[in-house]
All heavy atoms as atom14 arrays in JSON, in Angstrom:
{
  "sequence": "GIRAAETLAAAGLRPTVIDEGAQAGGQIYRRPPDGFTRPPET",
  "atom14_mask": [
    [1, 1, 1, 1, 0, 0, 0, 0, 0, 0, 0, 0, 0, 0],
    [1, 1, 1, 1, 1, 1, 1, 1, 0, 0, 0, 0, 0, 0],
    [1, 1, 1, 1, 1, 1, 1, 1, 1, 1, 1, 0, 0, 0],
    [1, 1, 1, 1, 1, 0, 0, 0, 0, 0, 0, 0, 0, 0],
    [1, 1, 1, 1, 1, 0, 0, 0, 0, 0, 0, 0, 0, 0],
    [1, 1, 1, 1, 1, 1, 1, 1, 1, 0, 0, 0, 0, 0],
    [1, 1, 1, 1, 1, 1, 1, 0, 0, 0, 0, 0, 0, 0],
    [1, 1, 1, 1, 1, 1, 1, 1, 0, 0, 0, 0, 0, 0],
    [1, 1, 1, 1, 1, 0, 0, 0, 0, 0, 0, 0, 0, 0],
    [1, 1, 1, 1, 1, 0, 0, 0, 0, 0, 0, 0, 0, 0],
    [1, 1, 1, 1, 1, 0, 0, 0, 0, 0, 0, 0, 0, 0],
    [1, 1, 1, 1, 0, 0, 0, 0, 0, 0, 0, 0, 0, 0],
    [1, 1, 1, 1, 1, 1, 1, 1, 0, 0, 0, 0, 0, 0],
    [1, 1, 1, 1, 1, 1, 1, 1, 1, 1, 1, 0, 0, 0],
    [1, 1, 1, 1, 1, 1, 1, 0, 0, 0, 0, 0, 0, 0],
    [1, 1, 1, 1, 1, 1, 1, 0, 0, 0, 0, 0, 0, 0],
    [1, 1, 1, 1, 1, 1, 1, 0, 0, 0, 0, 0, 0, 0],
    [1, 1, 1, 1, 1, 1, 1, 1, 0, 0, 0, 0, 0, 0],
    [1, 1, 1, 1, 1, 1, 1, 1, 0, 0, 0, 0, 0, 0],
    [1, 1, 1, 1, 1, 1, 1, 1, 1, 0, 0, 0, 0, 0],
    [1, 1, 1, 1, 0, 0, 0, 0, 0, 0, 0, 0, 0, 0],
    [1, 1, 1, 1, 1, 0, 0, 0, 0, 0, 0, 0, 0, 0],
    [1, 1, 1, 1, 1, 1, 1, 1, 1, 0, 0, 0, 0, 0],
    [1, 1, 1, 1, 1, 0, 0, 0, 0, 0, 0, 0, 0, 0],
    [1, 1, 1, 1, 0, 0, 0, 0, 0, 0, 0, 0, 0, 0],
    [1, 1, 1, 1, 0, 0, 0, 0, 0, 0, 0, 0, 0, 0],
    [1, 1, 1, 1, 1, 1, 1, 1, 1, 0, 0, 0, 0, 0],
    [1, 1, 1, 1, 1, 1, 1, 1, 0, 0, 0, 0, 0, 0],
    [1, 1, 1, 1, 1, 1, 1, 1, 1, 1, 1, 1, 0, 0],
    [1, 1, 1, 1, 1, 1, 1, 1, 1, 1, 1, 0, 0, 0],
    [1, 1, 1, 1, 1, 1, 1, 1, 1, 1, 1, 0, 0, 0],
    [1, 1, 1, 1, 1, 1, 1, 0, 0, 0, 0, 0, 0, 0],
    [1, 1, 1, 1, 1, 1, 1, 0, 0, 0, 0, 0, 0, 0],
    [1, 1, 1, 1, 1, 1, 1, 1, 0, 0, 0, 0, 0, 0],
    [1, 1, 1, 1, 0, 0, 0, 0, 0, 0, 0, 0, 0, 0],
    [1, 1, 1, 1, 1, 1, 1, 1, 1, 1, 1, 0, 0, 0],
    [1, 1, 1, 1, 1, 1, 1, 0, 0, 0, 0, 0, 0, 0],
    [1, 1, 1, 1, 1, 1, 1, 1, 1, 1, 1, 0, 0, 0],
    [1, 1, 1, 1, 1, 1, 1, 0, 0, 0, 0, 0, 0, 0],
    [1, 1, 1, 1, 1, 1, 1, 0, 0, 0, 0, 0, 0, 0],
    [1, 1, 1, 1, 1, 1, 1, 1, 1, 0, 0, 0, 0, 0],
    [1, 1, 1, 1, 1, 1, 1, 0, 0, 0, 0, 0, 0, 0]
  ],
  "atom14_positions": [
    [[7.63, -1.46, -3.03], [7.11, -0.29, -3.74], [6.73, 0.84, -2.8], [6.95, 2.02, -3.12], [0.0, 0.0, 0.0], [0.0, 0.0, 0.0], [0.0, 0.0, 0.0], [0.0, 0.0, 0.0], [0.0, 0.0, 0.0], [0.0, 0.0, 0.0], [0.0, 0.0, 0.0], [0.0, 0.0, 0.0], [0.0, 0.0, 0.0], [0.0, 0.0, 0.0]],
    [[6.18, 0.5, -1.64], [5.79, 1.54, -0.68], [7.02, 2.28, -0.16], [7.04, 3.52, -0.11], [4.99, 0.92, 0.48], [3.63, 0.44, -0.02], [4.8, 1.94, 1.61], [2.83, -0.35, 1.01], [0.0, 0.0, 0.0], [0.0, 0.0, 0.0], [0.0, 0.0, 0.0], [0.0, 0.0, 0.0], [0.0, 0.0, 0.0], [0.0, 0.0, 0.0]],
    [[8.05, 1.55, 0.23], [9.25, 2.21, 0.75], [9.98, 2.99, -0.34], [10.56, 4.06, -0.08], [10.18, 1.19, 1.38], [9.65, 0.57, 2.67], [9.26, 1.62, 3.69], [8.83, 1.02, 4.95], [8.08, 1.62, 5.85], [7.64, 2.87, 5.63], [7.73, 1.01, 6.96], [0.0, 0.0, 0.0], [0.0, 0.0, 0.0], [0.0, 0.0, 0.0]],
    [[9.94, 2.51, -1.57], [10.54, 3.28, -2.67], [9.79, 4.59, -2.87], [10.4, 5.65, -3.04], [10.54, 2.45, -3.95], [0.0, 0.0, 0.0], [0.0, 0.0, 0.0], [0.0, 0.0, 0.0], [0.0, 0.0, 0.0], [0.0, 0.0, 0.0], [0.0, 0.0, 0.0], [0.0, 0.0, 0.0], [0.0, 0.0, 0.0], [0.0, 0.0, 0.0]],
    [[8.47, 4.52, -2.86], [7.67, 5.72, -3.03], [7.91, 6.72, -1.9], [8.03, 7.93, -2.12], [6.18, 5.35, -3.1], [0.0, 0.0, 0.0], [0.0, 0.0, 0.0], [0.0, 0.0, 0.0], [0.0, 0.0, 0.0], [0.0, 0.0, 0.0], [0.0, 0.0, 0.0], [0.0, 0.0, 0.0], [0.0, 0.0, 0.0], [0.0, 0.0, 0.0]],
    [[7.99, 6.22, -0.68], [8.23, 7.08, 0.48], [9.58, 7.79, 0.36], [9.69, 8.99, 0.64], [8.21, 6.24, 1.75], [8.47, 7.01, 3.03], [8.59, 6.09, 4.23], [9.13, 4.97, 4.08], [8.16, 6.49, 5.32], [0.0, 0.0, 0.0], [0.0, 0.0, 0.0], [0.0, 0.0, 0.0], [0.0, 0.0, 0.0], [0.0, 0.0, 0.0]],
    [[10.61, 7.07, -0.07], [11.94, 7.65, -0.18], [11.98, 8.73, -1.26], [12.57, 9.8, -1.07], [12.97, 6.54, -0.5], [12.91, 5.55, 0.53], [14.37, 7.09, -0.6], [0.0, 0.0, 0.0], [0.0, 0.0, 0.0], [0.0, 0.0, 0.0], [0.0, 0.0, 0.0], [0.0, 0.0, 0.0], [0.0, 0.0, 0.0], [0.0, 0.0, 0.0]],
    [[11.35, 8.48, -2.38], [11.33, 9.46, -3.47], [10.51, 10.7, -3.07], [10.91, 11.83, -3.37], [10.75, 8.83, -4.73], [11.59, 7.72, -5.37], [10.82, 7.05, -6.5], [12.92, 8.25, -5.89], [0.0, 0.0, 0.0], [0.0, 0.0, 0.0], [0.0, 0.0, 0.0], [0.0, 0.0, 0.0], [0.0, 0.0, 0.0], [0.0, 0.0, 0.0]],
    [[9.37, 10.46, -2.41], [8.55, 11.6, -1.99], [9.28, 12.46, -0.98], [9.15, 13.7, -1.0], [7.23, 11.1, -1.42], [0.0, 0.0, 0.0], [0.0, 0.0, 0.0], [0.0, 0.0, 0.0], [0.0, 0.0, 0.0], [0.0, 0.0, 0.0], [0.0, 0.0, 0.0], [0.0, 0.0, 0.0], [0.0, 0.0, 0.0], [0.0, 0.0, 0.0]],
    [[10.07, 11.84, -0.11], [10.83, 12.61, 0.89], [11.87, 13.51, 0.23], [12.27, 14.53, 0.79], [11.51, 11.66, 1.87], [0.0, 0.0, 0.0], [0.0, 0.0, 0.0], [0.0, 0.0, 0.0], [0.0, 0.0, 0.0], [0.0, 0.0, 0.0], [0.0, 0.0, 0.0], [0.0, 0.0, 0.0], [0.0, 0.0, 0.0], [0.0, 0.0, 0.0]],
    [[12.29, 13.13, -0.98], [13.27, 13.95, -1.72], [12.59, 15.01, -2.59], [13.27, 15.7, -3.35], [14.14, 13.04, -2.59], [0.0, 0.0, 0.0], [0.0, 0.0, 0.0], [0.0, 0.0, 0.0], [0.0, 0.0, 0.0], [0.0, 0.0, 0.0], [0.0, 0.0, 0.0], [0.0, 0.0, 0.0], [0.0, 0.0, 0.0], [0.0, 0.0, 0.0]],
    [[11.28, 15.11, -2.5], [10.56, 16.14, -3.26], [10.05, 15.7, -4.62], [9.54, 16.53, -5.37], [0.0, 0.0, 0.0], [0.0, 0.0, 0.0], [0.0, 0.0, 0.0], [0.0, 0.0, 0.0], [0.0, 0.0, 0.0], [0.0, 0.0, 0.0], [0.0, 0.0, 0.0], [0.0, 0.0, 0.0], [0.0, 0.0, 0.0], [0.0, 0.0, 0.0]],
    [[10.18, 14.42, -4.94], [9.69, 13.91, -6.21], [8.27, 13.37, -6.04], [7.83, 13.07, -4.92], [10.62, 12.83, -6.75], [12.07, 13.27, -6.99], [12.91, 12.1, -7.47], [12.14, 14.42, -7.99], [0.0, 0.0, 0.0], [0.0, 0.0, 0.0], [0.0, 0.0, 0.0], [0.0, 0.0, 0.0], [0.0, 0.0, 0.0], [0.0, 0.0, 0.0]],
    [[7.57, 13.2, -7.15], [6.2, 12.71, -7.11], [6.06, 11.52, -8.06], [5.65, 11.64, -9.21], [5.23, 13.83, -7.53], [3.75, 13.49, -7.31], [2.91, 14.76, -7.49], [1.5, 14.5, -7.26], [0.57, 14.44, -8.23], [0.93, 14.6, -9.5], [-0.69, 14.22, -7.93], [0.0, 0.0, 0.0], [0.0, 0.0, 0.0], [0.0, 0.0, 0.0]],
    [[6.43, 10.33, -7.57], [6.38, 9.15, -8.44], [4.96, 8.67, -8.68], [4.03, 8.96, -7.9], [7.17, 8.11, -7.63], [6.94, 8.51, -6.21], [6.9, 10.01, -6.22], [0.0, 0.0, 0.0], [0.0, 0.0, 0.0], [0.0, 0.0, 0.0], [0.0, 0.0, 0.0], [0.0, 0.0, 0.0], [0.0, 0.0, 0.0], [0.0, 0.0, 0.0]],
    [[4.78, 7.92, -9.75], [3.53, 7.24, -10.04], [3.67, 5.78, -9.62], [4.65, 5.12, -9.99], [3.2, 7.31, -11.54], [2.99, 8.68, -11.91], [1.94, 6.51, -11.87], [0.0, 0.0, 0.0], [0.0, 0.0, 0.0], [0.0, 0.0, 0.0], [0.0, 0.0, 0.0], [0.0, 0.0, 0.0], [0.0, 0.0, 0.0], [0.0, 0.0, 0.0]],
    [[2.73, 5.3, -8.84], [2.75, 3.91, -8.35], [1.59, 3.16, -8.98], [0.43, 3.54, -8.8], [2.66, 3.85, -6.82], [2.77, 2.4, -6.34], [3.75, 4.7, -6.17], [0.0, 0.0, 0.0], [0.0, 0.0, 0.0], [0.0, 0.0, 0.0], [0.0, 0.0, 0.0], [0.0, 0.0, 0.0], [0.0, 0.0, 0.0], [0.0, 0.0, 0.0]],
    [[1.91, 2.11, -9.71], [0.9, 1.3, -10.4], [0.82, -0.06, -9.69], [1.85, -0.7, -9.45], [1.27, 1.08, -11.88], [1.52, 2.43, -12.57], [0.18, 0.31, -12.59], [2.06, 2.28, -13.98], [0.0, 0.0, 0.0], [0.0, 0.0, 0.0], [0.0, 0.0, 0.0], [0.0, 0.0, 0.0], [0.0, 0.0, 0.0], [0.0, 0.0, 0.0]],
    [[-0.39, -0.48, -9.38], [-0.53, -1.75, -8.68], [-1.83, -2.44, -9.08], [-2.84, -1.76, -9.37], [-0.52, -1.53, -7.16], [-0.41, -2.82, -6.39], [0.62, -3.51, -6.53], [-1.34, -3.15, -5.64], [0.0, 0.0, 0.0], [0.0, 0.0, 0.0], [0.0, 0.0, 0.0], [0.0, 0.0, 0.0], [0.0, 0.0, 0.0], [0.0, 0.0, 0.0]],
    [[-1.82, -3.76, -9.08], [-3.01, -4.52, -9.44], [-4.05, -4.55, -8.33], [-5.23, -4.81, -8.58], [-2.62, -5.95, -9.83], [-1.77, -6.01, -11.1], [-1.36, -7.42, -11.47], [-1.48, -8.31, -10.6], [-0.93, -7.62, -12.61], [0.0, 0.0, 0.0], [0.0, 0.0, 0.0], [0.0, 0.0, 0.0], [0.0, 0.0, 0.0], [0.0, 0.0, 0.0]],
    [[-3.63, -4.32, -7.1], [-4.56, -4.37, -5.98], [-5.4, -3.11, -5.87], [-5.04, -2.04, -6.36], [0.0, 0.0, 0.0], [0.0, 0.0, 0.0], [0.0, 0.0, 0.0], [0.0, 0.0, 0.0], [0.0, 0.0, 0.0], [0.0, 0.0, 0.0], [0.0, 0.0, 0.0], [0.0, 0.0, 0.0], [0.0, 0.0, 0.0], [0.0, 0.0, 0.0]],
    [[-6.53, -3.25, -5.17], [-7.38, -2.09, -4.93], [-6.75, -1.15, -3.92], [-6.98, 0.06, -3.95], [-8.75, -2.55, -4.43], [0.0, 0.0, 0.0], [0.0, 0.0, 0.0], [0.0, 0.0, 0.0], [0.0, 0.0, 0.0], [0.0, 0.0, 0.0], [0.0, 0.0, 0.0], [0.0, 0.0, 0.0], [0.0, 0.0, 0.0], [0.0, 0.0, 0.0]],
    [[-5.95, -1.7, -3.0], [-5.26, -0.91, -2.0], [-3.82, -1.41, -1.89], [-3.53, -2.57, -2.18], [-5.95, -1.03, -0.64], [-7.39, -0.57, -0.63], [-8.01, -0.7, 0.75], [-7.89, 0.17, 1.59], [-8.67, -1.82, 0.98], [0.0, 0.0, 0.0], [0.0, 0.0, 0.0], [0.0, 0.0, 0.0], [0.0, 0.0, 0.0], [0.0, 0.0, 0.0]],
    [[-2.94, -0.55, -1.43], [-1.54, -0.92, -1.3], [-1.35, -1.93, -0.17], [-2.13, -2.0, 0.76], [-0.69, 0.32, -1.03], [0.0, 0.0, 0.0], [0.0, 0.0, 0.0], [0.0, 0.0, 0.0], [0.0, 0.0, 0.0], [0.0, 0.0, 0.0], [0.0, 0.0, 0.0], [0.0, 0.0, 0.0], [0.0, 0.0, 0.0], [0.0, 0.0, 0.0]],
    [[-0.27, -2.69, -0.27], [0.05, -3.69, 0.74], [0.7, -4.93, 0.16], [1.39, -5.66, 0.85], [0.0, 0.0, 0.0], [0.0, 0.0, 0.0], [0.0, 0.0, 0.0], [0.0, 0.0, 0.0], [0.0, 0.0, 0.0], [0.0, 0.0, 0.0], [0.0, 0.0, 0.0], [0.0, 0.0, 0.0], [0.0, 0.0, 0.0], [0.0, 0.0, 0.0]],
    [[0.46, -5.18, -1.14], [1.03, -6.36, -1.76], [0.31, -7.62, -1.32], [-0.73, -7.58, -0.66], [0.0, 0.0, 0.0], [0.0, 0.0, 0.0], [0.0, 0.0, 0.0], [0.0, 0.0, 0.0], [0.0, 0.0, 0.0], [0.0, 0.0, 0.0], [0.0, 0.0, 0.0], [0.0, 0.0, 0.0], [0.0, 0.0, 0.0], [0.0, 0.0, 0.0]],
    [[0.89, -8.76, -1.68], [0.29, -10.04, -1.28], [0.46, -10.3, 0.21], [-0.45, -10.75, 0.9], [0.94, -11.18, -2.09], [0.79, -11.06, -3.58], [-0.65, -11.15, -4.05], [-1.58, -11.32, -3.27], [-0.85, -11.02, -5.36], [0.0, 0.0, 0.0], [0.0, 0.0, 0.0], [0.0, 0.0, 0.0], [0.0, 0.0, 0.0], [0.0, 0.0, 0.0]],
    [[1.65, -9.97, 0.74], [1.93, -10.3, 2.13], [1.06, -9.49, 3.09], [0.61, -9.99, 4.11], [3.44, -10.08, 2.42], [3.79, -10.51, 3.84], [3.84, -8.64, 2.2], [3.69, -11.96, 4.11], [0.0, 0.0, 0.0], [0.0, 0.0, 0.0], [0.0, 0.0, 0.0], [0.0, 0.0, 0.0], [0.0, 0.0, 0.0], [0.0, 0.0, 0.0]],
    [[0.81, -8.23, 2.75], [-0.01, -7.37, 3.6], [-1.28, -6.95, 2.87], [-1.72, -5.8, 2.95], [0.79, -6.14, 4.04], [2.03, -6.47, 4.84], [3.24, -5.84, 4.59], [1.99, -7.44, 5.85], [4.38, -6.14, 5.33], [3.12, -7.75, 6.59], [4.31, -7.1, 6.32], [5.44, -7.4, 7.05], [0.0, 0.0, 0.0], [0.0, 0.0, 0.0]],
    [[-1.85, -7.89, 2.16], [-3.08, -7.64, 1.4], [-4.19, -7.18, 2.34], [-4.4, -7.76, 3.41], [-3.5, -8.9, 0.66], [-4.84, -8.79, -0.07], [-5.19, -10.1, -0.73], [-4.37, -10.28, -1.93], [-4.74, -9.91, -3.14], [-5.9, -9.31, -3.33], [-3.97, -10.13, -4.18], [0.0, 0.0, 0.0], [0.0, 0.0, 0.0], [0.0, 0.0, 0.0]],
    [[-4.92, -6.17, 1.89], [-5.99, -5.63, 2.71], [-7.36, -6.17, 2.28], [-7.61, -6.32, 1.08], [-6.0, -4.11, 2.66], [-4.89, -3.51, 3.5], [-5.08, -2.01, 3.66], [-4.35, -1.27, 2.66], [-4.25, 0.06, 2.65], [-4.85, 0.78, 3.58], [-3.55, 0.67, 1.71], [0.0, 0.0, 0.0], [0.0, 0.0, 0.0], [0.0, 0.0, 0.0]],
    [[-8.22, -6.42, 3.22], [-9.57, -6.9, 2.88], [-10.42, -5.74, 2.38], [-10.06, -4.57, 2.51], [-10.1, -7.43, 4.22], [-9.39, -6.61, 5.25], [-8.01, -6.34, 4.67], [0.0, 0.0, 0.0], [0.0, 0.0, 0.0], [0.0, 0.0, 0.0], [0.0, 0.0, 0.0], [0.0, 0.0, 0.0], [0.0, 0.0, 0.0], [0.0, 0.0, 0.0]],
    [[-11.59, -6.04, 1.83], [-12.47, -4.97, 1.35], [-13.05, -4.16, 2.51], [-13.02, -4.59, 3.67], [-13.56, -5.73, 0.58], [-13.54, -7.1, 1.17], [-12.12, -7.38, 1.53], [0.0, 0.0, 0.0], [0.0, 0.0, 0.0], [0.0, 0.0, 0.0], [0.0, 0.0, 0.0], [0.0, 0.0, 0.0], [0.0, 0.0, 0.0], [0.0, 0.0, 0.0]],
    [[-13.59, -2.99, 2.2], [-14.21, -2.15, 3.21], [-15.35, -2.9, 3.89], [-16.11, -3.65, 3.25], [-14.76, -0.87, 2.58], [-13.65, 0.04, 2.06], [-12.51, -0.11, 2.53], [-13.93, 0.87, 1.16], [0.0, 0.0, 0.0], [0.0, 0.0, 0.0], [0.0, 0.0, 0.0], [0.0, 0.0, 0.0], [0.0, 0.0, 0.0], [0.0, 0.0, 0.0]],
    [[-15.47, -2.71, 5.19], [-16.52, -3.38, 5.94], [-16.12, -4.72, 6.52], [-16.87, -5.34, 7.27], [0.0, 0.0, 0.0], [0.0, 0.0, 0.0], [0.0, 0.0, 0.0], [0.0, 0.0, 0.0], [0.0, 0.0, 0.0], [0.0, 0.0, 0.0], [0.0, 0.0, 0.0], [0.0, 0.0, 0.0], [0.0, 0.0, 0.0], [0.0, 0.0, 0.0]],
    [[-14.92, -5.19, 6.17], [-14.41, -6.46, 6.71], [-14.09, -6.26, 8.19], [-13.45, -5.28, 8.58], [-13.14, -6.84, 5.94], [-12.76, -8.28, 6.05], [-13.44, -9.24, 5.31], [-11.73, -8.69, 6.87], [-13.07, -10.58, 5.38], [-11.37, -10.02, 6.95], [-12.05, -10.97, 6.21], [0.0, 0.0, 0.0], [0.0, 0.0, 0.0], [0.0, 0.0, 0.0]],
    [[-14.51, -7.18, 9.03], [-14.46, -6.93, 10.47], [-13.28, -7.57, 11.19], [-13.07, -7.3, 12.37], [-15.75, -7.45, 11.13], [-15.9, -8.86, 10.83], [-16.97, -6.69, 10.62], [0.0, 0.0, 0.0], [0.0, 0.0, 0.0], [0.0, 0.0, 0.0], [0.0, 0.0, 0.0], [0.0, 0.0, 0.0], [0.0, 0.0, 0.0], [0.0, 0.0, 0.0]],
    [[-12.48, -8.38, 10.52], [-11.36, -9.01, 11.22], [-10.23, -8.0, 11.4], [-9.8, -7.35, 10.45], [-10.85, -10.23, 10.44], [-11.91, -11.33, 10.33], [-11.41, -12.49, 9.51], [-10.42, -13.26, 10.23], [-9.56, -14.08, 9.63], [-9.57, -14.19, 8.31], [-8.7, -14.77, 10.34], [0.0, 0.0, 0.0], [0.0, 0.0, 0.0], [0.0, 0.0, 0.0]],
    [[-9.7, -7.85, 12.6], [-8.67, -6.84, 12.88], [-7.31, -7.24, 12.31], [-7.08, -8.42, 11.98], [-8.63, -6.8, 14.41], [-9.06, -8.17, 14.83], [-10.09, -8.6, 13.82], [0.0, 0.0, 0.0], [0.0, 0.0, 0.0], [0.0, 0.0, 0.0], [0.0, 0.0, 0.0], [0.0, 0.0, 0.0], [0.0, 0.0, 0.0], [0.0, 0.0, 0.0]],
    [[-6.37, -6.28, 12.16], [-5.04, -6.59, 11.62], [-4.32, -7.69, 12.39], [-3.59, -8.5, 11.79], [-4.3, -5.25, 11.74], [-5.38, -4.22, 11.71], [-6.54, -4.83, 12.42], [0.0, 0.0, 0.0], [0.0, 0.0, 0.0], [0.0, 0.0, 0.0], [0.0, 0.0, 0.0], [0.0, 0.0, 0.0], [0.0, 0.0, 0.0], [0.0, 0.0, 0.0]],
    [[-4.49, -7.74, 13.7], [-3.81, -8.78, 14.5], [-4.24, -10.17, 14.07], [-3.45, -11.12, 14.12], [-4.12, -8.56, 15.99], [-3.49, -7.32, 16.6], [-4.17, -6.04, 16.17], [-5.34, -6.1, 15.7], [-3.53, -4.97, 16.31], [0.0, 0.0, 0.0], [0.0, 0.0, 0.0], [0.0, 0.0, 0.0], [0.0, 0.0, 0.0], [0.0, 0.0, 0.0]],
    [[-5.48, -10.3, 13.64], [-5.96, -11.6, 13.17], [-5.48, -11.87, 11.76], [-5.1, -13.0, 11.42], [-7.51, -11.63, 13.2], [-7.95, -11.41, 14.55], [-8.03, -12.97, 12.73], [0.0, 0.0, 0.0], [0.0, 0.0, 0.0], [0.0, 0.0, 0.0], [0.0, 0.0, 0.0], [0.0, 0.0, 0.0], [0.0, 0.0, 0.0], [0.0, 0.0, 0.0]]
  ]
}
């Protein structure tokens, strides 16, 4: 979804992205809540 949105935006379109997560990333790159101290490498 992120790469699709990026490609459409580069062409001058403004897509709507709907997601169940609080932040983008999906399951594989799920982001922790604000204030979480573990770095991305971990």
